[in-house]
Amino acid sequence: SDTEFWDKMQAEWEEMARVEVAIPCYSVHRGSIITLLQGYYFHTENPFKDWPGAFEEGLKKMKEGDLPVTILYLEAAILQEPNDAEAWQFLGITQAENENEQAAIVALQR
């Protein structure tokens, strides 16, 4: 039912918020992703991680509709500048458009 769905979503949201506060900045390798910056999973095999102007390139790719590449560029931009609120916002939007809601929520919380 709708009530059960929303109750489950609320419980998950509260759990993510609790974990978000409790997790310090750290990194742990898990296959092709890395946990970094309070719960967001970054790709370790990101060819753009040292790309100058990664944020601007990400915005270009977003306009072209290339969501997977946009995500890689935006993740690279955030790894280069972890406190860039605009990069986190666009990453969250792109993750949502790419139907990765959990990553979108974590990114948008940042």
N, C-alpha and C. Protein backbone atom coordinates (compact mmCIF):
# COMPACT_ATOMS: atom_id res chain seq x y z
N SER A 1 0.84 -1.18 0.00
CA SER A 1 0.00 0.00 0.00
C SER A 1 0.88 1.24 0.00
N ASP A 2 0.27 2.37 -0.31
CA ASP A 2 1.01 3.63 -0.34
C ASP A 2 1.57 4.01 1.02
N THR A 3 0.80 3.75 2.05
CA THR A 3 1.25 4.09 3.40
C THR A 3 2.49 3.30 3.78
N GLU A 4 2.51 2.01 3.47
CA GLU A 4 3.68 1.18 3.77
C GLU A 4 4.89 1.66 2.99
N PHE A 5 4.70 2.00 1.72
CA PHE A 5 5.79 2.49 0.89
C PHE A 5 6.41 3.75 1.50
N TRP A 6 5.57 4.73 1.86
CA TRP A 6 6.07 5.99 2.39
C TRP A 6 6.67 5.81 3.78
N ASP A 7 6.12 4.91 4.57
CA ASP A 7 6.72 4.62 5.87
C ASP A 7 8.12 4.03 5.70
N LYS A 8 8.26 3.14 4.73
CA LYS A 8 9.57 2.54 4.45
C LYS A 8 10.55 3.61 3.96
N MET A 9 10.08 4.48 3.06
CA MET A 9 10.94 5.55 2.55
C MET A 9 11.37 6.47 3.68
N GLN A 10 10.45 6.80 4.59
CA GLN A 10 10.78 7.66 5.73
C GLN A 10 11.83 7.00 6.62
N ALA A 11 11.67 5.71 6.88
CA ALA A 11 12.63 4.99 7.71
C ALA A 11 14.01 4.96 7.06
N GLU A 12 14.04 4.73 5.74
CA GLU A 12 15.32 4.74 5.03
C GLU A 12 15.97 6.12 5.07
N TRP A 13 15.17 7.16 4.89
CA TRP A 13 15.68 8.53 4.92
C TRP A 13 16.29 8.84 6.28
N GLU A 14 15.57 8.45 7.35
CA GLU A 14 16.07 8.69 8.70
C GLU A 14 17.36 7.92 8.96
N GLU A 15 17.43 6.69 8.46
CA GLU A 15 18.65 5.89 8.63
C GLU A 15 19.81 6.53 7.88
N MET A 16 19.57 7.00 6.67
CA MET A 16 20.64 7.66 5.90
C MET A 16 21.10 8.92 6.61
N ALA A 17 20.17 9.69 7.16
CA ALA A 17 20.54 10.91 7.87
C ALA A 17 21.36 10.58 9.11
N ARG A 18 20.99 9.51 9.81
CA ARG A 18 21.74 9.10 11.00
C ARG A 18 23.15 8.67 10.62
N VAL A 19 23.26 7.86 9.58
CA VAL A 19 24.56 7.37 9.12
C VAL A 19 25.40 8.52 8.59
N GLU A 20 24.77 9.44 7.88
CA GLU A 20 25.47 10.60 7.32
C GLU A 20 26.22 11.37 8.40
N VAL A 21 25.58 11.56 9.53
CA VAL A 21 26.19 12.30 10.62
C VAL A 21 27.28 11.49 11.29
N ALA A 22 27.09 10.17 11.36
CA ALA A 22 28.01 9.32 12.12
C ALA A 22 29.27 8.95 11.37
N ILE A 23 29.28 9.04 10.04
CA ILE A 23 30.43 8.59 9.26
C ILE A 23 31.40 9.74 9.03
N PRO A 24 32.63 9.62 9.50
CA PRO A 24 33.62 10.65 9.20
C PRO A 24 34.11 10.50 7.76
N CYS A 25 34.87 11.45 7.31
CA CYS A 25 35.46 11.33 5.97
C CYS A 25 36.52 10.23 6.00
N TYR A 26 36.38 9.28 5.12
CA TYR A 26 37.32 8.18 5.03
C TYR A 26 37.18 7.53 3.65
N SER A 27 38.04 6.59 3.35
CA SER A 27 37.89 5.88 2.09
C SER A 27 38.16 4.40 2.28
N VAL A 28 37.36 3.58 1.62
CA VAL A 28 37.49 2.13 1.66
C VAL A 28 37.24 1.62 0.25
N HIS A 29 38.16 0.88 -0.29
CA HIS A 29 37.98 0.35 -1.64
C HIS A 29 37.05 -0.85 -1.62
N ARG A 30 36.12 -0.88 -2.55
CA ARG A 30 35.19 -1.99 -2.71
C ARG A 30 35.01 -2.23 -4.20
N GLY A 31 35.86 -3.02 -4.78
CA GLY A 31 35.74 -3.29 -6.22
C GLY A 31 35.99 -2.04 -7.02
N SER A 32 34.98 -1.61 -7.77
CA SER A 32 35.17 -0.45 -8.65
C SER A 32 34.63 0.84 -8.04
N ILE A 33 34.29 0.85 -6.77
CA ILE A 33 33.83 2.07 -6.14
C ILE A 33 34.62 2.35 -4.89
N ILE A 34 34.61 3.56 -4.43
CA ILE A 34 35.30 3.95 -3.21
C ILE A 34 34.31 4.73 -2.35
N THR A 35 34.28 4.46 -1.07
CA THR A 35 33.43 5.22 -0.16
C THR A 35 34.22 6.44 0.28
N LEU A 36 33.63 7.59 0.08
CA LEU A 36 34.35 8.81 0.40
C LEU A 36 33.37 9.91 0.72
N LEU A 37 33.74 10.81 1.56
CA LEU A 37 32.95 11.98 1.88
C LEU A 37 31.58 11.65 2.42
N GLN A 38 31.56 11.03 3.55
CA GLN A 38 30.36 10.78 4.32
C GLN A 38 29.27 10.01 3.56
N GLY A 39 29.63 8.91 2.99
CA GLY A 39 28.62 8.01 2.47
C GLY A 39 28.38 8.01 0.98
N TYR A 40 28.99 8.89 0.21
CA TYR A 40 28.80 8.86 -1.24
C TYR A 40 29.83 7.92 -1.85
N TYR A 41 29.38 7.06 -2.74
CA TYR A 41 30.26 6.10 -3.39
C TYR A 41 30.79 6.66 -4.70
N PHE A 42 32.09 6.88 -4.77
CA PHE A 42 32.74 7.38 -5.98
C PHE A 42 33.34 6.22 -6.76
N HIS A 43 33.38 6.33 -8.07
CA HIS A 43 34.02 5.33 -8.92
C HIS A 43 35.54 5.48 -8.80
N THR A 44 36.25 4.37 -8.59
CA THR A 44 37.72 4.45 -8.50
C THR A 44 38.35 4.50 -9.88
N GLU A 45 37.70 3.92 -10.84
CA GLU A 45 38.25 3.88 -12.20
C GLU A 45 37.74 5.08 -13.00
N ASN A 46 37.88 6.27 -12.43
CA ASN A 46 37.41 7.48 -13.09
C ASN A 46 38.55 8.09 -13.90
N PRO A 47 38.44 8.05 -15.24
CA PRO A 47 39.51 8.58 -16.08
C PRO A 47 39.64 10.10 -16.00
N PHE A 48 38.67 10.77 -15.36
CA PHE A 48 38.67 12.24 -15.30
C PHE A 48 39.06 12.78 -13.93
N LYS A 49 39.54 11.91 -13.02
CA LYS A 49 39.77 12.34 -11.64
C LYS A 49 40.77 13.49 -11.52
N ASP A 50 41.68 13.64 -12.47
CA ASP A 50 42.65 14.74 -12.43
C ASP A 50 42.41 15.74 -13.57
N TRP A 51 41.24 15.68 -14.18
CA TRP A 51 40.93 16.51 -15.35
C TRP A 51 40.73 17.97 -14.94
N PRO A 52 41.51 18.88 -15.52
CA PRO A 52 41.28 20.31 -15.23
C PRO A 52 39.93 20.73 -15.83
N GLY A 53 39.17 21.48 -15.08
CA GLY A 53 37.87 21.92 -15.56
C GLY A 53 36.84 20.81 -15.63
N ALA A 54 36.94 19.85 -14.71
CA ALA A 54 36.02 18.70 -14.73
C ALA A 54 34.57 19.14 -14.54
N PHE A 55 34.33 20.14 -13.71
CA PHE A 55 32.96 20.60 -13.49
C PHE A 55 32.36 21.14 -14.78
N GLU A 56 33.08 21.99 -15.46
CA GLU A 56 32.58 22.57 -16.72
C GLU A 56 32.35 21.49 -17.77
N GLU A 57 33.25 20.52 -17.84
CA GLU A 57 33.07 19.41 -18.78
C GLU A 57 31.83 18.59 -18.43
N GLY A 58 31.62 18.41 -17.13
CA GLY A 58 30.43 17.69 -16.69
C GLY A 58 29.15 18.39 -17.12
N LEU A 59 29.14 19.72 -17.01
CA LEU A 59 27.96 20.47 -17.43
C LEU A 59 27.72 20.33 -18.94
N LYS A 60 28.80 20.31 -19.71
CA LYS A 60 28.66 20.12 -21.17
C LYS A 60 28.06 18.75 -21.47
N LYS A 61 28.57 17.73 -20.80
CA LYS A 61 28.07 16.38 -21.03
C LYS A 61 26.62 16.24 -20.56
N MET A 62 26.27 16.97 -19.50
CA MET A 62 24.89 16.95 -19.02
C MET A 62 23.95 17.50 -20.10
N LYS A 63 24.35 18.60 -20.73
CA LYS A 63 23.54 19.19 -21.80
C LYS A 63 23.41 18.25 -22.99
N GLU A 64 24.44 17.42 -23.22
CA GLU A 64 24.41 16.44 -24.31
C GLU A 64 23.59 15.21 -23.93
N GLY A 65 23.24 15.07 -22.65
CA GLY A 65 22.44 13.94 -22.20
C GLY A 65 23.24 12.69 -21.89
N ASP A 66 24.56 12.81 -21.79
CA ASP A 66 25.42 11.66 -21.49
C ASP A 66 25.57 11.54 -19.98
N LEU A 67 24.59 10.93 -19.33
CA LEU A 67 24.54 10.89 -17.87
C LEU A 67 25.72 10.16 -17.24
N PRO A 68 26.11 8.96 -17.72
CA PRO A 68 27.24 8.27 -17.07
C PRO A 68 28.54 9.08 -17.11
N VAL A 69 28.82 9.72 -18.22
CA VAL A 69 30.05 10.52 -18.32
C VAL A 69 29.91 11.79 -17.49
N THR A 70 28.72 12.38 -17.46
CA THR A 70 28.48 13.55 -16.62
C THR A 70 28.79 13.21 -15.17
N ILE A 71 28.32 12.07 -14.71
CA ILE A 71 28.55 11.66 -13.32
C ILE A 71 30.05 11.53 -13.04
N LEU A 72 30.79 10.94 -13.96
CA LEU A 72 32.23 10.80 -13.77
C LEU A 72 32.91 12.16 -13.67
N TYR A 73 32.56 13.09 -14.56
CA TYR A 73 33.15 14.43 -14.50
C TYR A 73 32.80 15.15 -13.20
N LEU A 74 31.53 15.07 -12.80
CA LEU A 74 31.12 15.75 -11.57
C LEU A 74 31.77 15.12 -10.34
N GLU A 75 31.89 13.80 -10.32
CA GLU A 75 32.60 13.15 -9.22
C GLU A 75 34.05 13.63 -9.18
N ALA A 76 34.67 13.73 -10.35
CA ALA A 76 36.06 14.21 -10.40
C ALA A 76 36.16 15.63 -9.87
N ALA A 77 35.20 16.47 -10.24
CA ALA A 77 35.21 17.85 -9.76
C ALA A 77 35.10 17.89 -8.24
N ILE A 78 34.26 17.03 -7.68
CA ILE A 78 34.07 17.00 -6.23
C ILE A 78 35.30 16.44 -5.52
N LEU A 79 35.93 15.44 -6.11
CA LEU A 79 37.16 14.92 -5.51
C LEU A 79 38.24 15.99 -5.49
N GLN A 80 38.23 16.87 -6.51
CA GLN A 80 39.19 17.96 -6.56
C GLN A 80 38.83 19.09 -5.60
N GLU A 81 37.53 19.32 -5.40
CA GLU A 81 37.04 20.39 -4.53
C GLU A 81 35.83 19.88 -3.74
N PRO A 82 36.07 19.16 -2.64
CA PRO A 82 34.99 18.48 -1.91
C PRO A 82 33.88 19.38 -1.38
N ASN A 83 34.12 20.66 -1.21
CA ASN A 83 33.10 21.55 -0.65
C ASN A 83 32.36 22.36 -1.72
N ASP A 84 32.46 21.97 -2.97
CA ASP A 84 31.79 22.68 -4.06
C ASP A 84 30.31 22.30 -4.07
N ALA A 85 29.48 23.13 -3.44
CA ALA A 85 28.05 22.85 -3.30
C ALA A 85 27.36 22.72 -4.66
N GLU A 86 27.77 23.53 -5.62
CA GLU A 86 27.14 23.48 -6.94
C GLU A 86 27.44 22.15 -7.64
N ALA A 87 28.66 21.66 -7.51
CA ALA A 87 29.01 20.37 -8.10
C ALA A 87 28.20 19.25 -7.44
N TRP A 88 28.06 19.29 -6.12
CA TRP A 88 27.26 18.30 -5.41
C TRP A 88 25.80 18.36 -5.88
N GLN A 89 25.28 19.58 -6.07
CA GLN A 89 23.90 19.73 -6.51
C GLN A 89 23.69 19.11 -7.89
N PHE A 90 24.57 19.45 -8.83
CA PHE A 90 24.43 18.89 -10.18
C PHE A 90 24.65 17.38 -10.19
N LEU A 91 25.55 16.90 -9.34
CA LEU A 91 25.74 15.45 -9.23
C LEU A 91 24.46 14.78 -8.74
N GLY A 92 23.84 15.37 -7.73
CA GLY A 92 22.59 14.82 -7.22
C GLY A 92 21.49 14.80 -8.26
N ILE A 93 21.36 15.89 -9.00
CA ILE A 93 20.36 15.97 -10.06
C ILE A 93 20.63 14.91 -11.13
N THR A 94 21.89 14.79 -11.51
CA THR A 94 22.24 13.83 -12.56
C THR A 94 22.02 12.40 -12.08
N GLN A 95 22.37 12.11 -10.84
CA GLN A 95 22.13 10.77 -10.30
C GLN A 95 20.63 10.47 -10.29
N ALA A 96 19.81 11.45 -9.95
CA ALA A 96 18.36 11.25 -9.96
C ALA A 96 17.87 10.98 -11.38
N GLU A 97 18.35 11.74 -12.34
CA GLU A 97 17.97 11.51 -13.73
C GLU A 97 18.44 10.15 -14.22
N ASN A 98 19.54 9.66 -13.65
CA ASN A 98 20.09 8.36 -14.01
C ASN A 98 19.45 7.23 -13.18
N GLU A 99 18.41 7.58 -12.43
CA GLU A 99 17.62 6.65 -11.62
C GLU A 99 18.43 5.97 -10.52
N ASN A 100 19.39 6.71 -9.97
CA ASN A 100 20.15 6.24 -8.81
C ASN A 100 19.77 7.14 -7.64
N GLU A 101 18.60 6.87 -7.07
CA GLU A 101 18.02 7.76 -6.07
C GLU A 101 18.86 7.86 -4.80
N GLN A 102 19.43 6.75 -4.35
CA GLN A 102 20.21 6.79 -3.11
C GLN A 102 21.42 7.71 -3.27
N ALA A 103 22.14 7.58 -4.37
CA ALA A 103 23.29 8.45 -4.61
C ALA A 103 22.83 9.89 -4.77
N ALA A 104 21.68 10.10 -5.40
CA ALA A 104 21.15 11.45 -5.58
C ALA A 104 20.87 12.09 -4.23
N ILE A 105 20.25 11.35 -3.33
CA ILE A 105 19.91 11.89 -2.01
C ILE A 105 21.17 12.26 -1.25
N VAL A 106 22.14 11.36 -1.24
CA VAL A 106 23.39 11.64 -0.51
C VAL A 106 24.08 12.87 -1.09
N ALA A 107 24.15 12.95 -2.42
CA ALA A 107 24.81 14.09 -3.06
C ALA A 107 24.07 15.39 -2.75
N LEU A 108 22.76 15.37 -2.83
CA LEU A 108 21.98 16.58 -2.58
C LEU A 108 22.04 17.01 -1.11
N GLN A 109 22.24 16.07 -0.22
CA GLN A 109 22.41 16.43 1.20
C GLN A 109 23.70 17.19 1.43
N ARG A 110 24.69 16.95 0.61
CA ARG A 110 25.98 17.62 0.77
C ARG A 110 25.88 19.06 0.33
